[in-house]
PDB file of N, CA and C in Angstrom:
ATOM      1  N   MET A   1      -0.363 -32.394 -10.222  1.00  0.00           N
ATOM      2  CA  MET A   1      -1.364 -31.913  -9.234  1.00  0.00           C
ATOM      3  C   MET A   1      -0.801 -30.316  -9.157  1.00  0.00           C
ATOM      4  N   ALA A   2      -1.725 -29.570  -9.409  1.00  0.00           N
ATOM      5  CA  ALA A   2      -1.482 -28.039  -9.464  1.00  0.00           C
ATOM      6  C   ALA A   2      -1.814 -27.594  -7.914  1.00  0.00           C
ATOM      7  N   VAL A   3      -1.073 -26.834  -7.313  1.00  0.00           N
ATOM      8  CA  VAL A   3      -0.881 -26.160  -6.294  1.00  0.00           C
ATOM      9  C   VAL A   3      -1.753 -24.627  -6.483  1.00  0.00           C
ATOM     10  N   THR A   4      -2.640 -24.611  -5.453  1.00  0.00           N
ATOM     11  CA  THR A   4      -3.315 -23.404  -5.585  1.00  0.00           C
ATOM     12  C   THR A   4      -3.135 -22.490  -4.330  1.00  0.00           C
ATOM     13  N   ILE A   5      -3.149 -21.217  -4.542  1.00  0.00           N
ATOM     14  CA  ILE A   5      -3.026 -20.315  -3.545  1.00  0.00           C
ATOM     15  C   ILE A   5      -4.236 -19.731  -3.000  1.00  0.00           C
ATOM     16  N   PRO A   6      -4.791 -19.886  -1.730  1.00  0.00           N
ATOM     17  CA  PRO A   6      -6.083 -19.089  -1.273  1.00  0.00           C
ATOM     18  C   PRO A   6      -6.032 -17.615  -1.743  1.00  0.00           C
ATOM     19  N   ASP A   7      -7.260 -16.939  -1.982  1.00  0.00           N
ATOM     20  CA  ASP A   7      -7.576 -15.838  -2.357  1.00  0.00           C
ATOM     21  C   ASP A   7      -6.919 -14.841  -1.346  1.00  0.00           C
ATOM     22  N   TRP A   8      -7.079 -15.076  -0.164  1.00  0.00           N
ATOM     23  CA  TRP A   8      -6.345 -13.933   1.013  1.00  0.00           C
ATOM     24  C   TRP A   8      -4.933 -13.820   0.692  1.00  0.00           C
ATOM     25  N   LEU A   9      -4.486 -15.120   0.620  1.00  0.00           N
ATOM     26  CA  LEU A   9      -2.861 -15.175   0.671  1.00  0.00           C
ATOM     27  C   LEU A   9      -2.559 -14.528  -0.644  1.00  0.00           C
ATOM     28  N   GLY A  10      -3.146 -14.873  -1.775  1.00  0.00           N
ATOM     29  CA  GLY A  10      -2.584 -14.201  -3.163  1.00  0.00           C
ATOM     30  C   GLY A  10      -2.805 -12.774  -2.864  1.00  0.00           C
ATOM     31  N   ALA A  11      -3.721 -12.352  -2.430  1.00  0.00           N
ATOM     32  CA  ALA A  11      -3.897 -10.778  -2.533  1.00  0.00           C
ATOM     33  C   ALA A  11      -2.919 -10.010  -1.811  1.00  0.00           C
ATOM     34  N   ALA A  12      -2.624 -10.851  -0.575  1.00  0.00           N
ATOM     35  CA  ALA A  12      -1.834 -10.178   0.398  1.00  0.00           C
ATOM     36  C   ALA A  12      -0.268 -10.177  -0.347  1.00  0.00           C
ATOM     37  N   LEU A  13      -0.187 -11.409  -0.993  1.00  0.00           N
ATOM     38  CA  LEU A  13       1.212 -11.324  -1.647  1.00  0.00           C
ATOM     39  C   LEU A  13       1.292 -10.400  -2.784  1.00  0.00           C
ATOM     40  N   LEU A  14       0.395 -10.125  -3.559  1.00  0.00           N
ATOM     41  CA  LEU A  14       0.338  -9.164  -4.605  1.00  0.00           C
ATOM     42  C   LEU A  14       0.144  -7.920  -3.900  1.00  0.00           C
ATOM     43  N   LEU A  15      -0.308  -7.559  -2.926  1.00  0.00           N
ATOM     44  CA  LEU A  15      -0.207  -6.253  -2.392  1.00  0.00           C
ATOM     45  C   LEU A  15       1.197  -5.833  -1.934  1.00  0.00           C
ATOM     46  N   SER A  16       1.729  -7.123  -1.372  1.00  0.00           N
ATOM     47  CA  SER A  16       3.075  -6.846  -1.082  1.00  0.00           C
ATOM     48  C   SER A  16       4.156  -6.346  -2.265  1.00  0.00           C
ATOM     49  N   PHE A  17       3.940  -7.270  -3.322  1.00  0.00           N
ATOM     50  CA  PHE A  17       4.506  -6.818  -4.618  1.00  0.00           C
ATOM     51  C   PHE A  17       4.214  -5.470  -5.108  1.00  0.00           C
ATOM     52  N   SER A  18       2.962  -4.995  -4.929  1.00  0.00           N
ATOM     53  CA  SER A  18       2.449  -3.644  -5.315  1.00  0.00           C
ATOM     54  C   SER A  18       3.002  -2.769  -4.614  1.00  0.00           C
ATOM     55  N   ASP A  19       3.230  -2.912  -3.326  1.00  0.00           N
ATOM     56  CA  ASP A  19       3.849  -2.001  -2.210  1.00  0.00           C
ATOM     57  C   ASP A  19       5.354  -1.737  -2.793  1.00  0.00           C
ATOM     58  N   GLU A  20       6.162  -3.021  -2.975  1.00  0.00           N
ATOM     59  CA  GLU A  20       7.551  -2.845  -3.408  1.00  0.00           C
ATOM     60  C   GLU A  20       7.582  -1.972  -4.879  1.00  0.00           C
ATOM     61  N   LEU A  21       6.884  -2.322  -5.432  1.00  0.00           N
ATOM     62  CA  LEU A  21       7.077  -1.733  -6.892  1.00  0.00           C
ATOM     63  C   LEU A  21       6.550  -0.192  -6.743  1.00  0.00           C
ATOM     64  N   HIS A  22       5.564   0.170  -5.861  1.00  0.00           N
ATOM     65  CA  HIS A  22       5.441   1.714  -5.601  1.00  0.00           C
ATOM     66  C   HIS A  22       6.539   2.494  -5.174  1.00  0.00           C
ATOM     67  N   THR A  23       7.204   1.668  -4.269  1.00  0.00           N
ATOM     68  CA  THR A  23       8.428   2.383  -3.589  1.00  0.00           C
ATOM     69  C   THR A  23       9.396   2.444  -4.605  1.00  0.00           C
ATOM     70  N   ARG A  24       9.787   1.600  -5.371  1.00  0.00           N
ATOM     71  CA  ARG A  24      10.690   1.664  -6.382  1.00  0.00           C
ATOM     72  C   ARG A  24      10.424   2.646  -7.333  1.00  0.00           C
ATOM     73  N   LEU A  25       9.290   2.779  -7.696  1.00  0.00           N
ATOM     74  CA  LEU A  25       8.877   3.720  -8.903  1.00  0.00           C
ATOM     75  C   LEU A  25       9.020   5.170  -8.475  1.00  0.00           C
ATOM     76  N   VAL A  26       8.399   5.434  -7.008  1.00  0.00           N
ATOM     77  CA  VAL A  26       8.259   6.652  -6.446  1.00  0.00           C
ATOM     78  C   VAL A  26       9.676   7.492  -6.031  1.00  0.00           C
ATOM     79  N   TRP A  27      10.540   6.363  -5.575  1.00  0.00           N
ATOM     80  CA  TRP A  27      11.999   6.878  -4.943  1.00  0.00           C
ATOM     81  C   TRP A  27      12.842   6.628  -6.259  1.00  0.00           C
ATOM     82  N   GLY A  28      12.366   5.935  -7.524  1.00  0.00           N
ATOM     83  CA  GLY A  28      13.361   5.923  -8.510  1.00  0.00           C
ATOM     84  C   GLY A  28      13.007   6.809  -9.564  1.00  0.00           C
ATOM     85  N   PRO A  29      12.555   6.496 -10.526  1.00  0.00           N
ATOM     86  CA  PRO A  29      12.310   7.317 -11.875  1.00  0.00           C
ATOM     87  C   PRO A  29      11.349   8.593 -11.515  1.00  0.00           C
ATOM     88  N   LEU A  30      10.320   8.294 -10.746  1.00  0.00           N
ATOM     89  CA  LEU A  30       9.381   9.332 -10.593  1.00  0.00           C
ATOM     90  C   LEU A  30       9.745  10.364  -9.169  1.00  0.00           C
ATOM     91  N   ARG A  31      10.722  10.244  -8.758  1.00  0.00           N
ATOM     92  CA  ARG A  31      11.311  10.796  -7.394  1.00  0.00           C
ATOM     93  C   ARG A  31      11.269  12.261  -7.622  1.00  0.00           C
ATOM     94  N   ASN A  32      11.852  12.955  -8.733  1.00  0.00           N
ATOM     95  CA  ASN A  32      11.742  14.201  -8.689  1.00  0.00           C
ATOM     96  C   ASN A  32      10.493  14.915  -8.934  1.00  0.00           C
ATOM     97  N   HIS A  33       9.701  14.354  -9.691  1.00  0.00           N
ATOM     98  CA  HIS A  33       8.441  14.712  -9.984  1.00  0.00           C
ATOM     99  C   HIS A  33       7.478  14.535  -8.611  1.00  0.00           C
ATOM    100  N   TYR A  34       7.640  13.477  -8.131  1.00  0.00           N
ATOM    101  CA  TYR A  34       6.933  13.324  -6.736  1.00  0.00           C
ATOM    102  C   TYR A  34       7.442  14.404  -5.675  1.00  0.00           C
ATOM    103  N   LEU A  35       8.722  14.869  -5.365  1.00  0.00           N
ATOM    104  CA  LEU A  35       9.089  15.647  -4.758  1.00  0.00           C
ATOM    105  C   LEU A  35       8.802  17.093  -4.811  1.00  0.00           C
ATOM    106  N   LEU A  36       8.554  17.615  -6.278  1.00  0.00           N
ATOM    107  CA  LEU A  36       7.998  18.677  -6.542  1.00  0.00           C
ATOM    108  C   LEU A  36       6.492  18.883  -6.348  1.00  0.00           C
ATOM    109  N   LEU A  37       5.896  17.604  -6.514  1.00  0.00           N
ATOM    110  CA  LEU A  37       4.342  17.730  -6.061  1.00  0.00           C
ATOM    111  C   LEU A  37       4.245  18.013  -4.578  1.00  0.00           C
ATOM    112  N   GLY A  38       4.967  17.152  -3.913  1.00  0.00           N
ATOM    113  CA  GLY A  38       5.027  17.428  -2.182  1.00  0.00           C
ATOM    114  C   GLY A  38       5.520  18.836  -1.960  1.00  0.00           C
ATOM    115  N   ALA A  39       6.373  19.473  -2.589  1.00  0.00           N
ATOM    116  CA  ALA A  39       6.947  20.877  -2.433  1.00  0.00           C
ATOM    117  C   ALA A  39       5.732  21.569  -2.567  1.00  0.00           C
ATOM    118  N   TYR A  40       5.138  21.513  -3.845  1.00  0.00           N
ATOM    119  CA  TYR A  40       4.064  22.441  -4.313  1.00  0.00           C
ATOM    120  C   TYR A  40       2.861  22.386  -3.166  1.00  0.00           C
ATOM    121  N   LEU A  41       2.544  20.991  -2.732  1.00  0.00           N
ATOM    122  CA  LEU A  41       1.419  21.127  -1.841  1.00  0.00           C
ATOM    123  C   LEU A  41       1.720  21.690  -0.359  1.00  0.00           C
ATOM    124  N   ARG A  42       3.102  21.431   0.031  1.00  0.00           N
ATOM    125  CA  ARG A  42       3.617  21.914   1.148  1.00  0.00           C
ATOM    126  C   ARG A  42       3.545  23.315   1.178  1.00  0.00           C
ATOM    127  N   VAL A  43       3.689  24.145   0.253  1.00  0.00           N
ATOM    128  CA  VAL A  43       3.574  25.424   0.295  1.00  0.00           C
ATOM    129  C   VAL A  43       2.256  25.889   0.691  1.00  0.00           C
ATOM    130  N   ARG A  44       1.309  25.254   0.244  1.00  0.00           N
ATOM    131  CA  ARG A  44      -0.175  25.484   0.302  1.00  0.00           C
ATOM    132  C   ARG A  44      -0.811  24.778   1.670  1.00  0.00           C
ATOM    133  N   HIS A  45      -0.316  23.708   1.956  1.00  0.00           N
ATOM    134  CA  HIS A  45      -1.089  22.931   3.026  1.00  0.00           C
ATOM    135  C   HIS A  45      -0.017  22.461   4.145  1.00  0.00           C
ATOM    136  N   SER A  46      -0.702  21.830   5.231  1.00  0.00           N
ATOM    137  CA  SER A  46       0.072  21.270   6.078  1.00  0.00           C
ATOM    138  C   SER A  46       0.699  20.032   5.739  1.00  0.00           C
ATOM    139  N   PRO A  47       1.795  19.671   6.546  1.00  0.00           N
ATOM    140  CA  PRO A  47       2.510  18.280   6.277  1.00  0.00           C
ATOM    141  C   PRO A  47       1.586  17.236   6.399  1.00  0.00           C
ATOM    142  N   LEU A  48       0.334  17.231   7.320  1.00  0.00           N
ATOM    143  CA  LEU A  48      -0.505  16.178   7.553  1.00  0.00           C
ATOM    144  C   LEU A  48      -1.112  16.159   5.977  1.00  0.00           C
ATOM    145  N   PHE A  49      -1.759  17.199   5.706  1.00  0.00           N
ATOM    146  CA  PHE A  49      -2.316  17.188   4.288  1.00  0.00           C
ATOM    147  C   PHE A  49      -1.630  16.353   3.045  1.00  0.00           C
ATOM    148  N   VAL A  50      -0.368  16.747   2.980  1.00  0.00           N
ATOM    149  CA  VAL A  50       0.757  16.071   2.190  1.00  0.00           C
ATOM    150  C   VAL A  50       1.109  14.707   2.252  1.00  0.00           C
ATOM    151  N   TRP A  51       1.119  14.486   3.573  1.00  0.00           N
ATOM    152  CA  TRP A  51       1.118  12.825   3.877  1.00  0.00           C
ATOM    153  C   TRP A  51      -0.172  12.322   3.447  1.00  0.00           C
ATOM    154  N   PHE A  52      -1.298  12.722   3.588  1.00  0.00           N
ATOM    155  CA  PHE A  52      -2.530  12.269   3.373  1.00  0.00           C
ATOM    156  C   PHE A  52      -2.597  12.196   1.541  1.00  0.00           C
ATOM    157  N   VAL A  53      -2.218  12.968   0.979  1.00  0.00           N
ATOM    158  CA  VAL A  53      -2.228  12.982  -0.265  1.00  0.00           C
ATOM    159  C   VAL A  53      -1.365  11.894  -0.869  1.00  0.00           C
ATOM    160  N   HIS A  54      -0.224  11.729  -0.206  1.00  0.00           N
ATOM    161  CA  HIS A  54       0.710  10.772  -0.413  1.00  0.00           C
ATOM    162  C   HIS A  54       0.035   9.116  -0.394  1.00  0.00           C
ATOM    163  N   GLU A  55      -0.622   9.086   0.629  1.00  0.00           N
ATOM    164  CA  GLU A  55      -1.235   7.713   1.068  1.00  0.00           C
ATOM    165  C   GLU A  55      -2.389   7.510   0.062  1.00  0.00           C
ATOM    166  N   SER A  56      -3.315   8.519  -0.334  1.00  0.00           N
ATOM    167  CA  SER A  56      -4.310   8.330  -1.322  1.00  0.00           C
ATOM    168  C   SER A  56      -3.867   8.122  -2.614  1.00  0.00           C
ATOM    169  N   LEU A  57      -2.823   8.615  -2.934  1.00  0.00           N
ATOM    170  CA  LEU A  57      -2.240   8.227  -4.403  1.00  0.00           C
ATOM    171  C   LEU A  57      -1.402   6.796  -4.202  1.00  0.00           C
ATOM    172  N   GLU A  58      -1.144   6.451  -3.325  1.00  0.00           N
ATOM    173  CA  GLU A  58      -0.704   5.128  -3.072  1.00  0.00           C
ATOM    174  C   GLU A  58      -1.857   4.179  -2.927  1.00  0.00           C
ATOM    175  N   LEU A  59      -3.011   4.483  -2.570  1.00  0.00           N
ATOM    176  CA  LEU A  59      -4.307   3.715  -2.477  1.00  0.00           C
ATOM    177  C   LEU A  59      -4.702   3.492  -4.018  1.00  0.00           C
ATOM    178  N   ILE A  60      -4.657   4.544  -4.784  1.00  0.00           N
ATOM    179  CA  ILE A  60      -5.232   4.434  -6.099  1.00  0.00           C
ATOM    180  C   ILE A  60      -4.106   3.515  -7.023  1.00  0.00           C
ATOM    181  N   PHE A  61      -2.755   3.797  -6.817  1.00  0.00           N
ATOM    182  CA  PHE A  61      -1.863   2.948  -7.209  1.00  0.00           C
ATOM    183  C   PHE A  61      -2.148   1.458  -7.241  1.00  0.00           C
ATOM    184  N   HIS A  62      -2.179   1.023  -5.880  1.00  0.00           N
ATOM    185  CA  HIS A  62      -2.372  -0.113  -5.590  1.00  0.00           C
ATOM    186  C   HIS A  62      -3.780  -0.875  -6.039  1.00  0.00           C
ATOM    187  N   ALA A  63      -4.860   0.056  -5.914  1.00  0.00           N
ATOM    188  CA  ALA A  63      -6.173  -0.452  -6.699  1.00  0.00           C
ATOM    189  C   ALA A  63      -6.165  -0.890  -7.968  1.00  0.00           C
ATOM    190  N   ILE A  64      -5.150   0.167  -8.655  1.00  0.00           N
ATOM    191  CA  ILE A  64      -5.040  -0.115 -10.251  1.00  0.00           C
ATOM    192  C   ILE A  64      -4.234  -1.272 -10.580  1.00  0.00           C
ATOM    193  N   ILE A  65      -3.060  -1.607  -9.645  1.00  0.00           N
ATOM    194  CA  ILE A  65      -2.264  -2.830  -9.971  1.00  0.00           C
ATOM    195  C   ILE A  65      -2.782  -3.904  -9.663  1.00  0.00           C
ATOM    196  N   LEU A  66      -3.531  -4.080  -8.400  1.00  0.00           N
ATOM    197  CA  LEU A  66      -4.249  -5.195  -8.070  1.00  0.00           C
ATOM    198  C   LEU A  66      -5.426  -5.635  -9.047  1.00  0.00           C
ATOM    199  N   SER A  67      -6.053  -4.655  -9.415  1.00  0.00           N
ATOM    200  CA  SER A  67      -7.146  -4.811 -10.321  1.00  0.00           C
ATOM    201  C   SER A  67      -6.900  -5.468 -11.637  1.00  0.00           C
ATOM    202  N   LEU A  68      -5.536  -5.434 -12.120  1.00  0.00           N
ATOM    203  CA  LEU A  68      -4.988  -6.210 -13.272  1.00  0.00           C
ATOM    204  C   LEU A  68      -4.944  -7.669 -13.019  1.00  0.00           C
ATOM    205  N   VAL A  69      -5.189  -8.207 -11.888  1.00  0.00           N
ATOM    206  CA  VAL A  69      -5.026  -9.455 -11.390  1.00  0.00           C
ATOM    207  C   VAL A  69      -6.323  -9.916 -10.697  1.00  0.00           C
ATOM    208  N   LEU A  70      -6.658  -9.338  -9.785  1.00  0.00           N
ATOM    209  CA  LEU A  70      -7.924  -9.687  -9.011  1.00  0.00           C
ATOM    210  C   LEU A  70      -9.058  -9.134  -9.404  1.00  0.00           C
ATOM    211  N   PRO A  71     -10.247  -9.512  -9.077  1.00  0.00           N
ATOM    212  CA  PRO A  71     -11.716  -8.865  -9.339  1.00  0.00           C
ATOM    213  C   PRO A  71     -11.614  -7.528  -8.705  1.00  0.00           C
ATOM    214  N   VAL A  72     -12.414  -6.727  -9.281  1.00  0.00           N
ATOM    215  CA  VAL A  72     -12.146  -5.165  -8.546  1.00  0.00           C
ATOM    216  C   VAL A  72     -12.559  -5.119  -7.212  1.00  0.00           C
ATOM    217  N   THR A  73     -13.627  -5.496  -6.803  1.00  0.00           N
ATOM    218  CA  THR A  73     -14.013  -5.672  -5.424  1.00  0.00           C
ATOM    219  C   THR A  73     -12.784  -6.003  -4.507  1.00  0.00           C
ATOM    220  N   MET A  74     -12.107  -7.375  -4.741  1.00  0.00           N
ATOM    221  CA  MET A  74     -11.254  -7.777  -4.089  1.00  0.00           C
ATOM    222  C   MET A  74      -9.998  -6.879  -3.905  1.00  0.00           C
ATOM    223  N   ALA A  75      -9.713  -6.261  -5.323  1.00  0.00           N
ATOM    224  CA  ALA A  75      -8.563  -5.276  -5.371  1.00  0.00           C
ATOM    225  C   ALA A  75      -8.873  -4.184  -4.628  1.00  0.00           C
ATOM    226  N   LEU A  76     -10.003  -3.592  -4.434  1.00  0.00           N
ATOM    227  CA  LEU A  76     -10.349  -2.485  -3.702  1.00  0.00           C
ATOM    228  C   LEU A  76     -10.257  -2.613  -2.352  1.00  0.00           C
ATOM    229  N   THR A  77     -10.525  -3.693  -1.877  1.00  0.00           N
ATOM    230  CA  THR A  77     -10.765  -4.366  -0.395  1.00  0.00           C
ATOM    231  C   THR A  77      -9.255  -4.449  -0.064  1.00  0.00           C
ATOM    232  N   ALA A  78      -8.410  -5.048  -0.784  1.00  0.00           N
ATOM    233  CA  ALA A  78      -6.866  -5.135  -0.308  1.00  0.00           C
ATOM    234  C   ALA A  78      -6.313  -3.774  -0.471  1.00  0.00           C
ATOM    235  N   ALA A  79      -6.426  -2.940  -1.296  1.00  0.00           N
ATOM    236  CA  ALA A  79      -6.043  -1.510  -1.400  1.00  0.00           C
ATOM    237  C   ALA A  79      -6.451  -0.681  -0.156  1.00  0.00           C
ATOM    238  N   LEU A  80      -7.710  -0.699   0.100  1.00  0.00           N
ATOM    239  CA  LEU A  80      -8.120   0.009   1.248  1.00  0.00           C
ATOM    240  C   LEU A  80      -7.673  -0.721   2.887  1.00  0.00           C
ATOM    241  N   LEU A  81      -7.437  -1.841   2.778  1.00  0.00           N
ATOM    242  CA  LEU A  81      -6.690  -2.338   4.038  1.00  0.00           C
ATOM    243  C   LEU A  81      -5.415  -1.810   3.968  1.00  0.00           C
ATOM    244  N   HIS A  82      -4.715  -1.846   2.911  1.00  0.00           N
ATOM    245  CA  HIS A  82      -3.307  -1.398   2.926  1.00  0.00           C
ATOM    246  C   HIS A  82      -3.197   0.080   3.424  1.00  0.00           C
ATOM    247  N   PHE A  83      -4.228   0.722   2.843  1.00  0.00           N
ATOM    248  CA  PHE A  83      -4.369   2.337   3.295  1.00  0.00           C
ATOM    249  C   PHE A  83      -4.714   2.540   4.496  1.00  0.00           C
ATOM    250  N   SER A  84      -5.351   1.679   5.314  1.00  0.00           N
ATOM    251  CA  SER A  84      -5.888   1.780   6.470  1.00  0.00           C
ATOM    252  C   SER A  84      -4.614   1.394   7.457  1.00  0.00           C
ATOM    253  N   LEU A  85      -3.955   0.235   7.031  1.00  0.00           N
ATOM    254  CA  LEU A  85      -2.707   0.072   7.909  1.00  0.00           C
ATOM    255  C   LEU A  85      -1.495   1.165   7.922  1.00  0.00           C
ATOM    256  N   ASP A  86      -1.330   1.575   6.802  1.00  0.00           N
ATOM    257  CA  ASP A  86      -0.375   2.743   6.375  1.00  0.00           C
ATOM    258  C   ASP A  86      -0.879   3.956   7.371  1.00  0.00           C
ATOM    259  N   LEU A  87      -2.186   4.376   7.459  1.00  0.00           N
ATOM    260  CA  LEU A  87      -2.482   5.407   8.121  1.00  0.00           C
ATOM    261  C   LEU A  87      -2.423   5.102   9.823  1.00  0.00           C
ATOM    262  N   VAL A  88      -2.694   3.799  10.187  1.00  0.00           N
ATOM    263  CA  VAL A  88      -2.775   3.487  11.609  1.00  0.00           C
ATOM    264  C   VAL A  88      -1.209   3.366  12.062  1.00  0.00           C
ATOM    265  N   HIS A  89      -0.457   2.823  11.220  1.00  0.00           N
ATOM    266  CA  HIS A  89       0.941   2.450  11.759  1.00  0.00           C
ATOM    267  C   HIS A  89       1.955   3.504  11.775  1.00  0.00           C
ATOM    268  N   GLU A  90       1.607   4.569  10.741  1.00  0.00           N
ATOM    269  CA  GLU A  90       2.280   5.859  10.736  1.00  0.00           C
ATOM    270  C   GLU A  90       1.886   7.049  11.987  1.00  0.00           C
ATOM    271  N   ALA A  91       0.429   6.878  12.267  1.00  0.00           N
ATOM    272  CA  ALA A  91      -0.098   7.689  13.102  1.00  0.00           C
ATOM    273  C   ALA A  91       0.086   7.181  14.588  1.00  0.00           C
ATOM    274  N   LEU A  92      -0.137   6.073  14.916  1.00  0.00           N
ATOM    275  CA  LEU A  92      -0.064   5.311  15.969  1.00  0.00           C
ATOM    276  C   LEU A  92       1.356   5.080  16.471  1.00  0.00           C
ATOM    277  N   LEU A  93       2.127   4.179  15.720  1.00  0.00           N
ATOM    278  CA  LEU A  93       3.303   3.545  15.734  1.00  0.00           C
ATOM    279  C   LEU A  93       4.521   4.173  15.415  1.00  0.00           C
ATOM    280  N   GLY A  94       4.106   5.182  14.742  1.00  0.00           N
ATOM    281  CA  GLY A  94       5.295   6.005  13.774  1.00  0.00           C
ATOM    282  C   GLY A  94       5.890   5.348  12.518  1.00  0.00           C
ATOM    283  N   THR A  95       6.757   5.640  11.953  1.00  0.00           N
ATOM    284  CA  THR A  95       7.394   4.974  10.722  1.00  0.00           C
ATOM    285  C   THR A  95       8.225   3.926  11.025  1.00  0.00           C
ATOM    286  N   LEU A  96       7.891   2.794  10.465  1.00  0.00           N
ATOM    287  CA  LEU A  96       8.620   1.359  10.598  1.00  0.00           C
ATOM    288  C   LEU A  96      10.095   1.735   9.851  1.00  0.00           C
ATOM    289  N   ARG A  97      10.994   2.032  10.294  1.00  0.00           N
ATOM    290  CA  ARG A  97      12.102   2.429   9.516  1.00  0.00           C
ATOM    291  C   ARG A  97      12.898   1.170   8.751  1.00  0.00           C
ATOM    292  N   ASN A  98      12.730   0.003   9.508  1.00  0.00           N
ATOM    293  CA  ASN A  98      13.540  -1.178   8.861  1.00  0.00           C
ATOM    294  C   ASN A  98      12.242  -1.535   7.777  1.00  0.00           C
ATOM    295  N   PRO A  99      13.001  -1.631   6.406  1.00  0.00           N
ATOM    296  CA  PRO A  99      11.907  -2.118   5.510  1.00  0.00           C
ATOM    297  C   PRO A  99      11.536  -3.651   5.681  1.00  0.00           C
ATOM    298  N   TYR A 100      12.445  -4.299   5.983  1.00  0.00           N
ATOM    299  CA  TYR A 100      12.051  -5.862   6.270  1.00  0.00           C
ATOM    300  C   TYR A 100      10.782  -5.846   7.384  1.00  0.00           C
ATOM    301  N   LEU A 101      11.020  -5.199   8.368  1.00  0.00           N
ATOM    302  CA  LEU A 101       9.928  -5.126   9.408  1.00  0.00           C
ATOM    303  C   LEU A 101       8.750  -4.676   8.976  1.00  0.00           C
ATOM    304  N   HIS A 102       8.780  -3.397   8.114  1.00  0.00           N
ATOM    305  CA  HIS A 102       7.738  -2.814   7.536  1.00  0.00           C
ATOM    306  C   HIS A 102       6.852  -3.721   6.569  1.00  0.00           C
ATOM    307  N   ARG A 103       7.529  -4.758   5.687  1.00  0.00           N
ATOM    308  CA  ARG A 103       7.070  -5.368   4.829  1.00  0.00           C
ATOM    309  C   ARG A 103       6.370  -6.741   5.540  1.00  0.00           C
ATOM    310  N   ALA A 104       7.071  -7.116   6.571  1.00  0.00           N
ATOM    311  CA  ALA A 104       6.677  -8.437   7.332  1.00  0.00           C
ATOM    312  C   ALA A 104       5.373  -7.864   8.139  1.00  0.00           C
ATOM    313  N   PHE A 105       5.208  -6.494   8.505  1.00  0.00           N
ATOM    314  CA  PHE A 105       4.077  -6.169   9.415  1.00  0.00           C
ATOM    315  C   PHE A 105       2.996  -6.053   8.470  1.00  0.00           C
ATOM    316  N   HIS A 106       3.030  -5.486   7.341  1.00  0.00           N
ATOM    317  CA  HIS A 106       2.020  -5.398   6.277  1.00  0.00           C
ATOM    318  C   HIS A 106       1.699  -6.905   5.863  1.00  0.00           C
ATOM    319  N   LEU A 107       2.522  -7.450   5.436  1.00  0.00           N
ATOM    320  CA  LEU A 107       2.130  -9.181   4.801  1.00  0.00           C
ATOM    321  C   LEU A 107       1.572  -9.707   6.044  1.00  0.00           C
ATOM    322  N   GLY A 108       1.958  -9.660   7.180  1.00  0.00           N
ATOM    323  CA  GLY A 108       1.407 -10.635   8.218  1.00  0.00           C
ATOM    324  C   GLY A 108      -0.181  -9.969   8.802  1.00  0.00           C
ATOM    325  N   THR A 109      -0.257  -8.564   8.689  1.00  0.00           N
ATOM    326  CA  THR A 109      -1.511  -8.083   9.224  1.00  0.00           C
ATOM    327  C   THR A 109      -2.400  -8.253   8.021  1.00  0.00           C
ATOM    328  N   GLU A 110      -2.044  -7.932   6.829  1.00  0.00           N
ATOM    329  CA  GLU A 110      -2.798  -8.068   5.475  1.00  0.00           C
ATOM    330  C   GLU A 110      -3.338  -9.442   5.481  1.00  0.00           C
ATOM    331  N   SER A 111      -2.567 -10.280   5.465  1.00  0.00           N
ATOM    332  CA  SER A 111      -3.001 -11.786   5.382  1.00  0.00           C
ATOM    333  C   SER A 111      -3.795 -12.139   6.618  1.00  0.00           C
ATOM    334  N   ALA A 112      -3.622 -11.786   7.834  1.00  0.00           N
ATOM    335  CA  ALA A 112      -4.816 -12.023   8.828  1.00  0.00           C
ATOM    336  C   ALA A 112      -6.113 -11.514   8.686  1.00  0.00           C
ATOM    337  N   VAL A 113      -6.192 -10.147   8.303  1.00  0.00           N
ATOM    338  CA  VAL A 113      -7.405  -9.572   8.134  1.00  0.00           C
ATOM    339  C   VAL A 113      -8.088 -10.222   6.804  1.00  0.00           C
ATOM    340  N   LEU A 114      -7.241 -10.531   5.784  1.00  0.00           N
ATOM    341  CA  LEU A 114      -7.871 -10.960   4.356  1.00  0.00           C
ATOM    342  C   LEU A 114      -8.493 -12.216   4.687  1.00  0.00           C
ATOM    343  N   TYR A 115      -7.717 -13.138   5.562  1.00  0.00           N
ATOM    344  CA  TYR A 115      -8.205 -14.426   6.032  1.00  0.00           C
ATOM    345  C   TYR A 115      -9.534 -14.300   6.511  1.00  0.00           C
ATOM    346  N   CYS A 116      -9.809 -13.276   7.455  1.00  0.00           N
ATOM    347  CA  CYS A 116     -10.956 -13.303   8.351  1.00  0.00           C
ATOM    348  C   CYS A 116     -11.912 -12.675   7.292  1.00  0.00           C
ATOM    349  N   VAL A 117     -11.690 -11.839   6.194  1.00  0.00           N
ATOM    350  CA  VAL A 117     -13.004 -11.664   5.264  1.00  0.00           C
ATOM    351  C   VAL A 117     -13.097 -12.415   4.323  1.00  0.00           C
ATOM    352  N   TRP A 118     -12.061 -13.114   3.680  1.00  0.00           N
ATOM    353  CA  TRP A 118     -12.350 -14.254   2.516  1.00  0.00           C
ATOM    354  C   TRP A 118     -12.020 -15.760   2.979  1.00  0.00           C
ATOM    355  N   GLY A 119     -11.365 -15.843   4.093  1.00  0.00           N
ATOM    356  CA  GLY A 119     -11.071 -17.157   4.328  1.00  0.00           C
ATOM    357  C   GLY A 119     -11.816 -18.137   4.652  1.00  0.00           C
TER     358      GLY A 119
END
């Protein structure tokens, strides 16, 4: 007997994996390039704009990674949800410094919202 994972839970778990992959790529092999891009943008724009560019690039990254496994509409929905959560928790709650708390917040909230949408 095969065990199946509901779409909403699978998407939330894939999004969590994608977020970890993004973090490791950006602060690992791509760190120098990413910091140069941030410095270039910071010379011409406000920190708020630089932060928004970062979150937008992360949105595109998640949409691409998720669309490799999920239908495009589901991938875009999940990526936009993650983008929205990042904007809300950074703007209203501040940065969640503990990486486990940050992942748990995203996984729990994304699971609940995706369950409401697709459950």
